Amino acid sequence: MAAEREYREKREGDYREKALKLYPWICGRCAREFTHKNLSELTVHHKDHNHDNNPPDGSNWELLCLYCHDNEHSRFEELIRYGGTQEAKQEAATFNPFADLKAMMAKKG
């Protein structure tokens, strides 16, 4: 267990430092900006959810704040568990209550 934890911490340290050098310190979802003071709240998210896929160009990473990162993983869990996160698409409403307003106004006048 200790060896696994050590491996994970080393792996995370490597890609986190690289990601923080590559990308601006801004959440990729909510656009919250970070400074040295609150940088611990900015996480590195793996787009493909594979923490061992760490290309040197950072193409599998995005910086997300803690809240957006949690939301992303919740959505991924829902996708795995239920097969999707979006409800069935509905067609746009076409009813226009003011379509004949001019004619209705003319009748009253």
C-alpha atoms as a PDB file:
ATOM      1  CA  MET A   1       0.000   0.000   0.000  1.00  0.00           C
ATOM      2  CA  ALA A   2       2.812   2.414   0.853  1.00  0.00           C
ATOM      3  CA  ALA A   3       4.578   1.662  -2.435  1.00  0.00           C
ATOM      4  CA  GLU A   4       1.382   2.422  -4.377  1.00  0.00           C
ATOM      5  CA  ARG A   5       0.944   5.720  -2.537  1.00  0.00           C
ATOM      6  CA  GLU A   6       4.578   6.672  -3.184  1.00  0.00           C
ATOM      7  CA  TYR A   7       4.214   5.837  -6.896  1.00  0.00           C
ATOM      8  CA  ARG A   8       1.012   7.898  -7.160  1.00  0.00           C
ATOM      9  CA  GLU A   9       2.538  10.909  -5.381  1.00  0.00           C
ATOM     10  CA  LYS A  10       5.631  10.829  -7.608  1.00  0.00           C
ATOM     11  CA  ARG A  11       3.535  10.483 -10.764  1.00  0.00           C
ATOM     12  CA  GLU A  12       1.203  13.329  -9.737  1.00  0.00           C
ATOM     13  CA  GLY A  13       4.126  15.558  -8.783  1.00  0.00           C
ATOM     14  CA  ASP A  14       5.710  15.095 -12.185  1.00  0.00           C
ATOM     15  CA  TYR A  15       2.682  15.886 -14.337  1.00  0.00           C
ATOM     16  CA  ARG A  16       1.308  18.571 -12.022  1.00  0.00           C
ATOM     17  CA  GLU A  17       4.527  20.574 -12.176  1.00  0.00           C
ATOM     18  CA  LYS A  18       4.649  20.215 -15.951  1.00  0.00           C
ATOM     19  CA  ALA A  19       1.006  21.205 -16.376  1.00  0.00           C
ATOM     20  CA  LEU A  20       1.428  24.284 -14.194  1.00  0.00           C
ATOM     21  CA  LYS A  21       4.352  25.376 -16.375  1.00  0.00           C
ATOM     22  CA  LEU A  22       2.506  24.708 -19.646  1.00  0.00           C
ATOM     23  CA  TYR A  23      -0.882  26.261 -18.930  1.00  0.00           C
ATOM     24  CA  PRO A  24      -2.057  29.541 -17.416  1.00  0.00           C
ATOM     25  CA  TRP A  25      -3.345  29.192 -13.863  1.00  0.00           C
ATOM     26  CA  ILE A  26      -7.000  29.444 -14.864  1.00  0.00           C
ATOM     27  CA  CYS A  27      -9.741  26.832 -14.508  1.00  0.00           C
ATOM     28  CA  GLY A  28     -10.586  25.470 -17.949  1.00  0.00           C
ATOM     29  CA  ARG A  29     -14.323  25.397 -17.138  1.00  0.00           C
ATOM     30  CA  CYS A  30     -15.286  28.332 -14.909  1.00  0.00           C
ATOM     31  CA  ALA A  31     -12.316  30.594 -15.814  1.00  0.00           C
ATOM     32  CA  ARG A  32     -11.446  31.232 -12.151  1.00  0.00           C
ATOM     33  CA  GLU A  33      -7.908  32.622 -11.881  1.00  0.00           C
ATOM     34  CA  PHE A  34      -5.358  31.309  -9.395  1.00  0.00           C
ATOM     35  CA  THR A  35      -2.279  32.750  -7.696  1.00  0.00           C
ATOM     36  CA  HIS A  36       0.458  31.201  -5.579  1.00  0.00           C
ATOM     37  CA  LYS A  37      -1.800  31.750  -2.560  1.00  0.00           C
ATOM     38  CA  ASN A  38      -4.630  29.476  -3.754  1.00  0.00           C
ATOM     39  CA  LEU A  39      -2.802  27.305  -6.302  1.00  0.00           C
ATOM     40  CA  SER A  40      -3.470  24.181  -4.236  1.00  0.00           C
ATOM     41  CA  GLU A  41      -7.143  24.483  -5.327  1.00  0.00           C
ATOM     42  CA  LEU A  42      -6.202  24.047  -8.995  1.00  0.00           C
ATOM     43  CA  THR A  43      -6.035  20.419 -10.137  1.00  0.00           C
ATOM     44  CA  VAL A  44      -4.788  18.625 -13.220  1.00  0.00           C
ATOM     45  CA  HIS A  45      -7.553  16.683 -14.934  1.00  0.00           C
ATOM     46  CA  HIS A  46      -6.787  13.873 -17.375  1.00  0.00           C
ATOM     47  CA  LYS A  47      -9.148  14.273 -20.318  1.00  0.00           C
ATOM     48  CA  ASP A  48      -9.233  10.534 -21.012  1.00  0.00           C
ATOM     49  CA  HIS A  49      -9.418   9.708 -17.267  1.00  0.00           C
ATOM     50  CA  ASN A  50      -6.202   7.653 -17.550  1.00  0.00           C
ATOM     51  CA  HIS A  51      -3.729   8.938 -14.960  1.00  0.00           C
ATOM     52  CA  ASP A  52      -0.880   7.022 -16.572  1.00  0.00           C
ATOM     53  CA  ASN A  53      -1.361   8.820 -19.918  1.00  0.00           C
ATOM     54  CA  ASN A  54       0.922  11.820 -19.426  1.00  0.00           C
ATOM     55  CA  PRO A  55       2.280  12.976 -22.786  1.00  0.00           C
ATOM     56  CA  PRO A  56       5.050  15.579 -22.459  1.00  0.00           C
ATOM     57  CA  ASP A  57       3.086  18.122 -24.516  1.00  0.00           C
ATOM     58  CA  GLY A  58       0.251  18.055 -21.964  1.00  0.00           C
ATOM     59  CA  SER A  59      -2.381  17.179 -24.568  1.00  0.00           C
ATOM     60  CA  ASN A  60      -4.232  14.906 -22.118  1.00  0.00           C
ATOM     61  CA  TRP A  61      -4.379  17.491 -19.325  1.00  0.00           C
ATOM     62  CA  GLU A  62      -6.509  20.442 -18.420  1.00  0.00           C
ATOM     63  CA  LEU A  63      -6.371  22.567 -15.301  1.00  0.00           C
ATOM     64  CA  LEU A  64      -9.624  22.597 -13.339  1.00  0.00           C
ATOM     65  CA  CYS A  65     -10.553  24.059  -9.975  1.00  0.00           C
ATOM     66  CA  LEU A  66     -11.588  21.591  -7.276  1.00  0.00           C
ATOM     67  CA  TYR A  67     -15.292  22.166  -7.919  1.00  0.00           C
ATOM     68  CA  CYS A  68     -15.161  21.759 -11.693  1.00  0.00           C
ATOM     69  CA  HIS A  69     -12.879  18.725 -11.311  1.00  0.00           C
ATOM     70  CA  ASP A  70     -15.365  17.052  -8.969  1.00  0.00           C
ATOM     71  CA  ASN A  71     -18.185  17.881 -11.374  1.00  0.00           C
ATOM     72  CA  GLU A  72     -16.269  16.393 -14.307  1.00  0.00           C
ATOM     73  CA  HIS A  73     -15.659  13.150 -12.445  1.00  0.00           C
ATOM     74  CA  SER A  74     -19.304  12.977 -11.355  1.00  0.00           C
ATOM     75  CA  ARG A  75     -20.381  13.338 -14.976  1.00  0.00           C
ATOM     76  CA  PHE A  76     -17.916  10.608 -15.991  1.00  0.00           C
ATOM     77  CA  GLU A  77     -19.267   8.285 -13.285  1.00  0.00           C
ATOM     78  CA  GLU A  78     -22.806   8.899 -14.540  1.00  0.00           C
ATOM     79  CA  LEU A  79     -21.696   8.132 -18.075  1.00  0.00           C
ATOM     80  CA  ILE A  80     -20.166   4.833 -16.958  1.00  0.00           C
ATOM     81  CA  ARG A  81     -23.088   3.899 -14.714  1.00  0.00           C
ATOM     82  CA  TYR A  82     -26.054   5.046 -16.792  1.00  0.00           C
ATOM     83  CA  GLY A  83     -24.682   5.308 -20.314  1.00  0.00           C
ATOM     84  CA  GLY A  84     -25.102   9.058 -20.629  1.00  0.00           C
ATOM     85  CA  THR A  85     -25.614  12.283 -18.764  1.00  0.00           C
ATOM     86  CA  GLN A  86     -28.005  14.091 -21.073  1.00  0.00           C
ATOM     87  CA  GLU A  87     -31.731  13.689 -21.206  1.00  0.00           C
ATOM     88  CA  ALA A  88     -33.474  12.971 -24.493  1.00  0.00           C
ATOM     89  CA  LYS A  89     -33.326  15.951 -26.793  1.00  0.00           C
ATOM     90  CA  GLN A  90     -36.525  17.921 -27.155  1.00  0.00           C
ATOM     91  CA  GLU A  91     -37.494  19.813 -30.236  1.00  0.00           C
ATOM     92  CA  ALA A  92     -37.549  23.570 -29.963  1.00  0.00           C
ATOM     93  CA  ALA A  93     -40.890  25.167 -29.211  1.00  0.00           C
ATOM     94  CA  THR A  94     -42.518  26.736 -32.267  1.00  0.00           C
ATOM     95  CA  PHE A  95     -45.634  28.285 -30.742  1.00  0.00           C
ATOM     96  CA  ASN A  96     -45.615  32.081 -30.946  1.00  0.00           C
ATOM     97  CA  PRO A  97     -48.313  33.693 -28.767  1.00  0.00           C
ATOM     98  CA  PHE A  98     -47.862  37.061 -30.502  1.00  0.00           C
ATOM     99  CA  ALA A  99     -48.045  35.780 -34.078  1.00  0.00           C
ATOM    100  CA  ASP A 100     -51.487  37.312 -34.726  1.00  0.00           C
ATOM    101  CA  LEU A 101     -51.210  40.211 -32.309  1.00  0.00           C
ATOM    102  CA  LYS A 102     -51.668  42.870 -34.996  1.00  0.00           C
ATOM    103  CA  ALA A 103     -54.870  41.179 -36.230  1.00  0.00           C
ATOM    104  CA  MET A 104     -56.178  40.803 -32.672  1.00  0.00           C
ATOM    105  CA  MET A 105     -55.498  44.477 -31.951  1.00  0.00           C
ATOM    106  CA  ALA A 106     -57.290  45.500 -35.157  1.00  0.00           C
ATOM    107  CA  LYS A 107     -60.408  43.500 -34.118  1.00  0.00           C
ATOM    108  CA  LYS A 108     -60.607  45.313 -30.765  1.00  0.00           C
ATOM    109  CA  GLY A 109     -60.200  48.748 -32.292  1.00  0.00           C
END
